[in-house]
C-alpha atoms as a PDB file:
ATOM      1  CA  VAL A   1      -0.006  -0.030  -0.080  1.00  0.00           C
ATOM      2  CA  LYS A   2       1.470   3.362  -0.952  1.00  0.00           C
ATOM      3  CA  PRO A   3       1.385   5.946   1.988  1.00  0.00           C
ATOM      4  CA  ASN A   4      -0.762   9.063   1.135  1.00  0.00           C
ATOM      5  CA  THR A   5      -1.522  12.346   3.077  1.00  0.00           C
ATOM      6  CA  GLN A   6      -4.056  10.888   5.092  1.00  0.00           C
ATOM      7  CA  SER A   7      -1.969   7.743   6.325  1.00  0.00           C
ATOM      8  CA  TYR A   8       0.708  10.289   7.226  1.00  0.00           C
ATOM      9  CA  ARG A   9      -1.879  12.299   8.996  1.00  0.00           C
ATOM     10  CA  SER A  10      -3.104   9.159  10.712  1.00  0.00           C
ATOM     11  CA  VAL A  11       0.490   8.433  12.177  1.00  0.00           C
ATOM     12  CA  ILE A  12       0.780  12.306  13.258  1.00  0.00           C
ATOM     13  CA  THR A  13      -2.537  12.073  15.008  1.00  0.00           C
ATOM     14  CA  ALA A  14      -1.580   8.825  16.909  1.00  0.00           C
ATOM     15  CA  LEU A  15       1.963  10.293  17.931  1.00  0.00           C
ATOM     16  CA  GLY A  16      -0.020  13.675  19.051  1.00  0.00           C
ATOM     17  CA  ARG A  17      -2.429  11.637  21.160  1.00  0.00           C
ATOM     18  CA  SER A  18       0.424   9.356  22.546  1.00  0.00           C
ATOM     19  CA  LYS A  19       2.158   9.888  25.834  1.00  0.00           C
ATOM     20  CA  GLN A  20       5.629   9.252  24.285  1.00  0.00           C
ATOM     21  CA  PRO A  21       8.257  11.734  25.110  1.00  0.00           C
ATOM     22  CA  ARG A  22       8.816  14.165  22.380  1.00  0.00           C
ATOM     23  CA  ALA A  23       5.881  12.879  20.434  1.00  0.00           C
ATOM     24  CA  ALA A  24       4.860  16.454  19.020  1.00  0.00           C
ATOM     25  CA  GLU A  25       8.576  16.855  17.858  1.00  0.00           C
ATOM     26  CA  LYS A  26       8.518  13.567  15.994  1.00  0.00           C
ATOM     27  CA  ALA A  27       5.218  14.620  14.377  1.00  0.00           C
ATOM     28  CA  GLU A  28       6.897  17.804  13.371  1.00  0.00           C
ATOM     29  CA  LYS A  29       9.583  15.851  12.043  1.00  0.00           C
ATOM     30  CA  ILE A  30       7.029  13.791   9.879  1.00  0.00           C
ATOM     31  CA  LEU A  31       5.544  16.967   8.415  1.00  0.00           C
ATOM     32  CA  GLU A  32       9.169  17.836   7.278  1.00  0.00           C
ATOM     33  CA  GLU A  33       9.602  14.716   5.629  1.00  0.00           C
ATOM     34  CA  MET A  34       6.187  15.168   3.736  1.00  0.00           C
ATOM     35  CA  ILE A  35       7.515  18.618   2.600  1.00  0.00           C
ATOM     36  CA  TYR A  36      10.848  17.362   1.372  1.00  0.00           C
ATOM     37  CA  ILE A  37       9.254  14.334  -0.251  1.00  0.00           C
ATOM     38  CA  SER A  38       6.599  16.633  -2.050  1.00  0.00           C
ATOM     39  CA  SER A  39       9.125  19.052  -3.090  1.00  0.00           C
ATOM     40  CA  HIS A  40      10.899  16.114  -4.833  1.00  0.00           C
ATOM     41  CA  GLY A  41       8.230  14.725  -7.258  1.00  0.00           C
ATOM     42  CA  ALA A  42       5.600  13.110  -5.117  1.00  0.00           C
ATOM     43  CA  ARG A  43       3.133  15.911  -5.011  1.00  0.00           C
ATOM     44  CA  ASP A  44       0.449  13.950  -3.503  1.00  0.00           C
ATOM     45  CA  LEU A  45       2.289  13.826  -0.422  1.00  0.00           C
ATOM     46  CA  ALA A  46       2.307  17.643   0.249  1.00  0.00           C
ATOM     47  CA  PRO A  47       0.867  18.293   3.587  1.00  0.00           C
ATOM     48  CA  ASN A  48      -2.586  20.287   3.729  1.00  0.00           C
ATOM     49  CA  THR A  49      -4.029  22.633   6.374  1.00  0.00           C
ATOM     50  CA  ILE A  50      -5.511  19.568   8.271  1.00  0.00           C
ATOM     51  CA  VAL A  51      -1.956  18.018   8.485  1.00  0.00           C
ATOM     52  CA  TYR A  52      -0.466  21.071   9.753  1.00  0.00           C
ATOM     53  CA  ASN A  53      -3.229  21.547  12.351  1.00  0.00           C
ATOM     54  CA  THR A  54      -2.439  17.868  13.545  1.00  0.00           C
ATOM     55  CA  VAL A  55       0.972  18.465  14.290  1.00  0.00           C
ATOM     56  CA  ILE A  56       0.052  21.946  16.099  1.00  0.00           C
ATOM     57  CA  ASP A  57      -2.676  19.811  18.227  1.00  0.00           C
ATOM     58  CA  ALA A  58       0.120  17.443  18.860  1.00  0.00           C
ATOM     59  CA  PHE A  59       2.134  20.255  20.256  1.00  0.00           C
ATOM     60  CA  ALA A  60      -1.046  21.471  22.156  1.00  0.00           C
ATOM     61  CA  ARG A  61      -1.469  17.957  23.781  1.00  0.00           C
ATOM     62  CA  SER A  62       2.395  17.672  24.687  1.00  0.00           C
ATOM     63  CA  LYS A  63       4.444  18.624  27.823  1.00  0.00           C
ATOM     64  CA  THR A  64       6.882  20.506  25.618  1.00  0.00           C
ATOM     65  CA  VAL A  65       7.703  23.787  27.420  1.00  0.00           C
ATOM     66  CA  SER A  66       7.744  25.943  24.229  1.00  0.00           C
ATOM     67  CA  LYS A  67       4.662  24.398  22.903  1.00  0.00           C
ATOM     68  CA  ALA A  68       2.931  27.758  22.119  1.00  0.00           C
ATOM     69  CA  HIS A  69       5.955  29.106  20.406  1.00  0.00           C
ATOM     70  CA  ARG A  70       6.348  25.794  18.076  1.00  0.00           C
ATOM     71  CA  ALA A  71       2.479  26.309  17.389  1.00  0.00           C
ATOM     72  CA  GLU A  72       2.958  30.013  16.708  1.00  0.00           C
ATOM     73  CA  LEU A  73       5.968  29.060  14.078  1.00  0.00           C
ATOM     74  CA  LEU A  74       3.853  26.585  12.275  1.00  0.00           C
ATOM     75  CA  LEU A  75       1.114  29.205  12.142  1.00  0.00           C
ATOM     76  CA  GLU A  76       3.454  31.730  10.826  1.00  0.00           C
ATOM     77  CA  ARG A  77       4.745  29.266   8.066  1.00  0.00           C
ATOM     78  CA  MET A  78       1.135  28.589   6.931  1.00  0.00           C
ATOM     79  CA  LEU A  79       0.353  32.183   6.635  1.00  0.00           C
ATOM     80  CA  GLU A  80       3.489  33.038   4.840  1.00  0.00           C
ATOM     81  CA  GLU A  81       3.022  30.234   2.385  1.00  0.00           C
ATOM     82  CA  SER A  82      -0.648  30.649   1.873  1.00  0.00           C
ATOM     83  CA  GLU A  83       0.157  34.579   1.149  1.00  0.00           C
ATOM     84  CA  GLU A  84       2.617  33.280  -1.547  1.00  0.00           C
ATOM     85  CA  GLY A  85      -0.213  31.295  -3.224  1.00  0.00           C
ATOM     86  CA  ASN A  86      -0.056  27.787  -1.450  1.00  0.00           C
ATOM     87  CA  LEU A  87      -3.580  27.868  -0.694  1.00  0.00           C
ATOM     88  CA  SER A  88      -3.761  24.216   0.545  1.00  0.00           C
ATOM     89  CA  ILE A  89      -2.152  24.992   3.836  1.00  0.00           C
ATOM     90  CA  ARG A  90      -4.262  28.321   4.407  1.00  0.00           C
ATOM     91  CA  PRO A  91      -4.983  28.678   8.151  1.00  0.00           C
ATOM     92  CA  ASP A  92      -8.513  27.964   9.096  1.00  0.00           C
ATOM     93  CA  THR A  93     -10.440  28.540  12.265  1.00  0.00           C
ATOM     94  CA  ILE A  94      -9.182  25.217  13.710  1.00  0.00           C
ATOM     95  CA  THR A  95      -5.543  26.210  13.136  1.00  0.00           C
ATOM     96  CA  PHE A  96      -6.203  29.449  15.102  1.00  0.00           C
ATOM     97  CA  ASN A  97      -8.177  27.654  17.909  1.00  0.00           C
ATOM     98  CA  THR A  98      -5.562  25.128  18.130  1.00  0.00           C
ATOM     99  CA  VAL A  99      -2.641  27.712  18.369  1.00  0.00           C
ATOM    100  CA  ILE A 100      -4.703  29.148  21.222  1.00  0.00           C
ATOM    101  CA  ASN A 101      -5.325  25.944  22.772  1.00  0.00           C
ATOM    102  CA  ALA A 102      -1.429  25.284  23.016  1.00  0.00           C
ATOM    103  CA  ALA A 103      -0.932  28.654  24.588  1.00  0.00           C
ATOM    104  CA  ALA A 104      -3.748  27.974  26.896  1.00  0.00           C
ATOM    105  CA  ARG A 105      -2.352  24.557  27.861  1.00  0.00           C
ATOM    106  CA  SER A 106       1.411  26.325  28.531  1.00  0.00           C
ATOM    107  CA  VAL A 107       1.565  25.575  32.168  1.00  0.00           C
ATOM    108  CA  TYR A 108       5.036  24.043  32.258  1.00  0.00           C
ATOM    109  CA  GLY A 109       7.949  26.465  32.567  1.00  0.00           C
ATOM    110  CA  ASP A 110       8.530  29.597  34.258  1.00  0.00           C
ATOM    111  CA  THR A 111       6.558  32.848  34.320  1.00  0.00           C
ATOM    112  CA  THR A 112       8.259  34.204  31.216  1.00  0.00           C
ATOM    113  CA  VAL A 113       7.339  31.134  29.055  1.00  0.00           C
ATOM    114  CA  ARG A 114       3.757  31.514  30.318  1.00  0.00           C
ATOM    115  CA  ASN A 115       3.496  35.151  29.647  1.00  0.00           C
ATOM    116  CA  GLU A 116       5.074  34.489  26.279  1.00  0.00           C
ATOM    117  CA  ALA A 117       2.451  31.677  25.732  1.00  0.00           C
ATOM    118  CA  TYR A 118      -0.376  34.228  26.646  1.00  0.00           C
ATOM    119  CA  LEU A 119       0.723  36.792  24.072  1.00  0.00           C
ATOM    120  CA  ILE A 120       0.911  33.919  21.328  1.00  0.00           C
ATOM    121  CA  GLY A 121      -2.530  33.121  22.212  1.00  0.00           C
ATOM    122  CA  LEU A 122      -3.696  36.764  22.233  1.00  0.00           C
ATOM    123  CA  ASN A 123      -2.197  37.484  18.881  1.00  0.00           C
ATOM    124  CA  ALA A 124      -3.646  34.433  17.111  1.00  0.00           C
ATOM    125  CA  PHE A 125      -6.860  35.566  18.397  1.00  0.00           C
ATOM    126  CA  LYS A 126      -6.321  38.933  17.198  1.00  0.00           C
ATOM    127  CA  VAL A 127      -5.215  37.593  13.736  1.00  0.00           C
ATOM    128  CA  ILE A 128      -8.668  35.730  13.325  1.00  0.00           C
ATOM    129  CA  PHE A 129     -10.395  39.016  13.027  1.00  0.00           C
ATOM    130  CA  VAL A 130      -7.751  40.982  10.853  1.00  0.00           C
ATOM    131  CA  VAL A 131      -7.373  38.137   8.222  1.00  0.00           C
ATOM    132  CA  TYR A 132     -10.741  36.525   8.571  1.00  0.00           C
END
């Protein structure tokens, strides 16, 4: 059976829901692999909005201290690439809500990390009203 975007997404979902250490980072690595493979000819493996949302959700569920920051970086990549014409990864309401969720679940780390997570969530909320 040839893997497709949905099979990759299923693996990312399973990782994100697992309690494995560094599961979100592994999910992001799969996303990077999809980007690499699709840029070298396998266009049917190009990640879409749903795949990005699944990786962002993996960070939101993780115990990674920088989860809000990592979620924000993925959102920024989606915004930049969709502005450049890649509409298959255009952020949607689920994307913004998941970034806000990652920020809200940022209970690990010191006060600085939690304050940064709050600002990331607030900025994602503001972007919803500006962009959409």
